[in-house]
C-alpha cells in the first residue's frame, strides 16, 4: 500500500533555505519522499520521543565526504501509510536535534493530522 507523505511548514522552510545554499536539496528531498511513498522506512527510530519518529541520512552530492556531510531528514509515521516530514538539515551545519524540539514537531503534526 502506498504511503501519503505530507510536510510540516518547518520542513518546507528548512528545505527552502538548504536549496539556496546547495541547489540540490529539493531533488534529494523528492527522491527521499518517493522512497517513503513506496513503503520504505529508511533510517533509525529516534529513541526517547514516544512516537514513530525516524532520522535518515540523505546524500548531498554538492559536498564531498559522503553521508557525514549530507542531509538529515526527520520524519514521523503516524500510521503505516501516513507520514509527516518534520524537518531537514545539513549535517555539516547542525549536529543533531533535541528530543524537546522533536516532541514539539510531533505535536504539530498530530494537530494537523487531526484536522
C-alpha atoms as a PDB file:
ATOM      1  CA  UNK A   1       0.000   0.000   0.000  1.00  0.00           C
ATOM      2  CA  UNK A   2       1.477   3.376  -0.955  1.00  0.00           C
ATOM      3  CA  UNK A   3       2.037   5.945   1.754  1.00  0.00           C
ATOM      4  CA  UNK A   4       0.783   9.518   1.826  1.00  0.00           C
ATOM      5  CA  UNK A   5       3.613  11.896   2.714  1.00  0.00           C
ATOM      6  CA  UNK A   6       2.926  15.417   3.990  1.00  0.00           C
ATOM      7  CA  UNK A   7       5.271  18.140   5.193  1.00  0.00           C
ATOM      8  CA  UNK A   8       5.303  20.481   8.138  1.00  0.00           C
ATOM      9  CA  UNK A   9       5.886  24.188   7.476  1.00  0.00           C
ATOM     10  CA  UNK A  10       9.209  23.870   9.333  1.00  0.00           C
ATOM     11  CA  UNK A  11      10.338  21.201   6.873  1.00  0.00           C
ATOM     12  CA  UNK A  12       9.401  23.409   3.931  1.00  0.00           C
ATOM     13  CA  UNK A  13      11.238  26.412   5.427  1.00  0.00           C
ATOM     14  CA  UNK A  14      14.380  24.386   6.102  1.00  0.00           C
ATOM     15  CA  UNK A  15      14.265  22.820   2.633  1.00  0.00           C
ATOM     16  CA  UNK A  16      13.983  26.242   1.009  1.00  0.00           C
ATOM     17  CA  UNK A  17      16.985  27.530   2.982  1.00  0.00           C
ATOM     18  CA  UNK A  18      19.046  24.446   2.088  1.00  0.00           C
ATOM     19  CA  UNK A  19      18.149  24.806  -1.587  1.00  0.00           C
ATOM     20  CA  UNK A  20      19.539  28.343  -1.616  1.00  0.00           C
ATOM     21  CA  UNK A  21      22.864  27.047  -0.381  1.00  0.00           C
ATOM     22  CA  UNK A  22      23.200  23.678  -2.143  1.00  0.00           C
ATOM     23  CA  UNK A  23      20.895  23.761  -5.195  1.00  0.00           C
ATOM     24  CA  UNK A  24      20.083  20.065  -4.887  1.00  0.00           C
ATOM     25  CA  UNK A  25      18.204  19.837  -1.617  1.00  0.00           C
ATOM     26  CA  UNK A  26      14.773  19.784  -3.244  1.00  0.00           C
ATOM     27  CA  UNK A  27      15.791  16.998  -5.633  1.00  0.00           C
ATOM     28  CA  UNK A  28      17.207  14.924  -2.778  1.00  0.00           C
ATOM     29  CA  UNK A  29      14.092  15.512  -0.649  1.00  0.00           C
ATOM     30  CA  UNK A  30      11.852  14.472  -3.559  1.00  0.00           C
ATOM     31  CA  UNK A  31      13.834  11.260  -4.084  1.00  0.00           C
ATOM     32  CA  UNK A  32      13.561  10.516  -0.381  1.00  0.00           C
ATOM     33  CA  UNK A  33       9.811  11.221  -0.400  1.00  0.00           C
ATOM     34  CA  UNK A  34       9.318   8.757  -3.256  1.00  0.00           C
ATOM     35  CA  UNK A  35      11.015   6.073  -1.176  1.00  0.00           C
ATOM     36  CA  UNK A  36       8.595   6.756   1.676  1.00  0.00           C
ATOM     37  CA  UNK A  37       5.634   6.719  -0.708  1.00  0.00           C
ATOM     38  CA  UNK A  38       6.714   3.255  -1.913  1.00  0.00           C
ATOM     39  CA  UNK A  39       6.573   1.991   1.673  1.00  0.00           C
ATOM     40  CA  UNK A  40      10.280   2.130   2.548  1.00  0.00           C
ATOM     41  CA  UNK A  41      11.234   3.289   6.045  1.00  0.00           C
ATOM     42  CA  UNK A  42      14.886   4.350   5.798  1.00  0.00           C
ATOM     43  CA  UNK A  43      16.834   5.453   8.831  1.00  0.00           C
ATOM     44  CA  UNK A  44      16.579   4.635  12.503  1.00  0.00           C
ATOM     45  CA  UNK A  45      13.901   5.202  15.116  1.00  0.00           C
ATOM     46  CA  UNK A  46      14.776   8.112  17.388  1.00  0.00           C
ATOM     47  CA  UNK A  47      14.721   6.847  20.994  1.00  0.00           C
ATOM     48  CA  UNK A  48      13.056   8.869  23.720  1.00  0.00           C
ATOM     49  CA  UNK A  49      10.412  10.572  21.602  1.00  0.00           C
ATOM     50  CA  UNK A  50       7.489   8.270  22.340  1.00  0.00           C
ATOM     51  CA  UNK A  51       6.334   8.211  18.716  1.00  0.00           C
ATOM     52  CA  UNK A  52       7.445   6.529  15.489  1.00  0.00           C
ATOM     53  CA  UNK A  53       9.974   9.223  14.577  1.00  0.00           C
ATOM     54  CA  UNK A  54      12.834   8.287  12.279  1.00  0.00           C
ATOM     55  CA  UNK A  55      16.036  10.056  11.338  1.00  0.00           C
ATOM     56  CA  UNK A  56      17.570   9.237   7.996  1.00  0.00           C
ATOM     57  CA  UNK A  57      20.712  10.280   6.205  1.00  0.00           C
ATOM     58  CA  UNK A  58      20.433  11.603   2.675  1.00  0.00           C
ATOM     59  CA  UNK A  59      23.413  12.145   0.418  1.00  0.00           C
ATOM     60  CA  UNK A  60      24.326  15.703  -0.589  1.00  0.00           C
ATOM     61  CA  UNK A  61      26.079  15.442  -3.964  1.00  0.00           C
ATOM     62  CA  UNK A  62      27.246  19.068  -3.672  1.00  0.00           C
ATOM     63  CA  UNK A  63      29.504  18.245  -0.717  1.00  0.00           C
ATOM     64  CA  UNK A  64      32.364  15.772  -0.803  1.00  0.00           C
ATOM     65  CA  UNK A  65      32.664  13.458   2.143  1.00  0.00           C
ATOM     66  CA  UNK A  66      29.634  11.173   1.858  1.00  0.00           C
ATOM     67  CA  UNK A  67      26.928  10.747   4.493  1.00  0.00           C
ATOM     68  CA  UNK A  68      28.708  12.691   7.267  1.00  0.00           C
ATOM     69  CA  UNK A  69      28.392  15.786   5.075  1.00  0.00           C
ATOM     70  CA  UNK A  70      24.884  15.019   3.819  1.00  0.00           C
ATOM     71  CA  UNK A  71      21.405  15.894   4.961  1.00  0.00           C
ATOM     72  CA  UNK A  72      19.367  14.565   7.842  1.00  0.00           C
ATOM     73  CA  UNK A  73      15.633  14.134   7.321  1.00  0.00           C
ATOM     74  CA  UNK A  74      13.407  13.564  10.322  1.00  0.00           C
ATOM     75  CA  UNK A  75      10.015  12.017   9.677  1.00  0.00           C
ATOM     76  CA  UNK A  76       7.064  10.773  11.703  1.00  0.00           C
ATOM     77  CA  UNK A  77       4.974   7.732  10.810  1.00  0.00           C
ATOM     78  CA  UNK A  78       1.506   8.468  12.158  1.00  0.00           C
ATOM     79  CA  UNK A  79       0.004   5.329  10.657  1.00  0.00           C
ATOM     80  CA  UNK A  80       1.521   2.712   8.405  1.00  0.00           C
ATOM     81  CA  UNK A  81       0.552   4.708   5.325  1.00  0.00           C
ATOM     82  CA  UNK A  82       0.602   8.305   6.664  1.00  0.00           C
ATOM     83  CA  UNK A  83       3.878  10.146   7.175  1.00  0.00           C
ATOM     84  CA  UNK A  84       4.904  13.698   8.026  1.00  0.00           C
ATOM     85  CA  UNK A  85       8.299  15.106   7.077  1.00  0.00           C
ATOM     86  CA  UNK A  86       9.171  17.107  10.197  1.00  0.00           C
ATOM     87  CA  UNK A  87      12.480  18.799   9.427  1.00  0.00           C
ATOM     88  CA  UNK A  88      15.615  18.595   7.323  1.00  0.00           C
ATOM     89  CA  UNK A  89      19.085  19.973   7.942  1.00  0.00           C
ATOM     90  CA  UNK A  90      22.636  19.761   6.708  1.00  0.00           C
ATOM     91  CA  UNK A  91      24.761  17.609   8.977  1.00  0.00           C
ATOM     92  CA  UNK A  92      27.691  19.957   8.411  1.00  0.00           C
ATOM     93  CA  UNK A  93      25.625  22.844   9.861  1.00  0.00           C
ATOM     94  CA  UNK A  94      23.760  21.056  12.649  1.00  0.00           C
ATOM     95  CA  UNK A  95      24.980  18.002  14.513  1.00  0.00           C
ATOM     96  CA  UNK A  96      21.711  16.748  15.966  1.00  0.00           C
ATOM     97  CA  UNK A  97      18.218  17.740  17.059  1.00  0.00           C
ATOM     98  CA  UNK A  98      16.925  17.676  20.630  1.00  0.00           C
ATOM     99  CA  UNK A  99      14.137  15.497  21.966  1.00  0.00           C
ATOM    100  CA  UNK A 100      12.154  18.550  23.134  1.00  0.00           C
ATOM    101  CA  UNK A 101      12.172  20.014  19.621  1.00  0.00           C
ATOM    102  CA  UNK A 102      11.195  16.641  18.143  1.00  0.00           C
ATOM    103  CA  UNK A 103       8.274  16.369  20.570  1.00  0.00           C
ATOM    104  CA  UNK A 104       7.089  19.843  19.508  1.00  0.00           C
ATOM    105  CA  UNK A 105       7.258  18.835  15.836  1.00  0.00           C
ATOM    106  CA  UNK A 106       5.334  15.623  16.548  1.00  0.00           C
ATOM    107  CA  UNK A 107       2.663  17.624  18.400  1.00  0.00           C
ATOM    108  CA  UNK A 108       2.355  19.978  15.418  1.00  0.00           C
ATOM    109  CA  UNK A 109       1.981  17.027  13.037  1.00  0.00           C
ATOM    110  CA  UNK A 110      -0.648  15.470  15.302  1.00  0.00           C
ATOM    111  CA  UNK A 111      -2.643  18.732  15.333  1.00  0.00           C
ATOM    112  CA  UNK A 112      -2.503  18.987  11.539  1.00  0.00           C
ATOM    113  CA  UNK A 113      -3.427  15.342  11.161  1.00  0.00           C
ATOM    114  CA  UNK A 114      -6.468  15.661  13.415  1.00  0.00           C
ATOM    115  CA  UNK A 115      -7.984  18.463  11.304  1.00  0.00           C
END
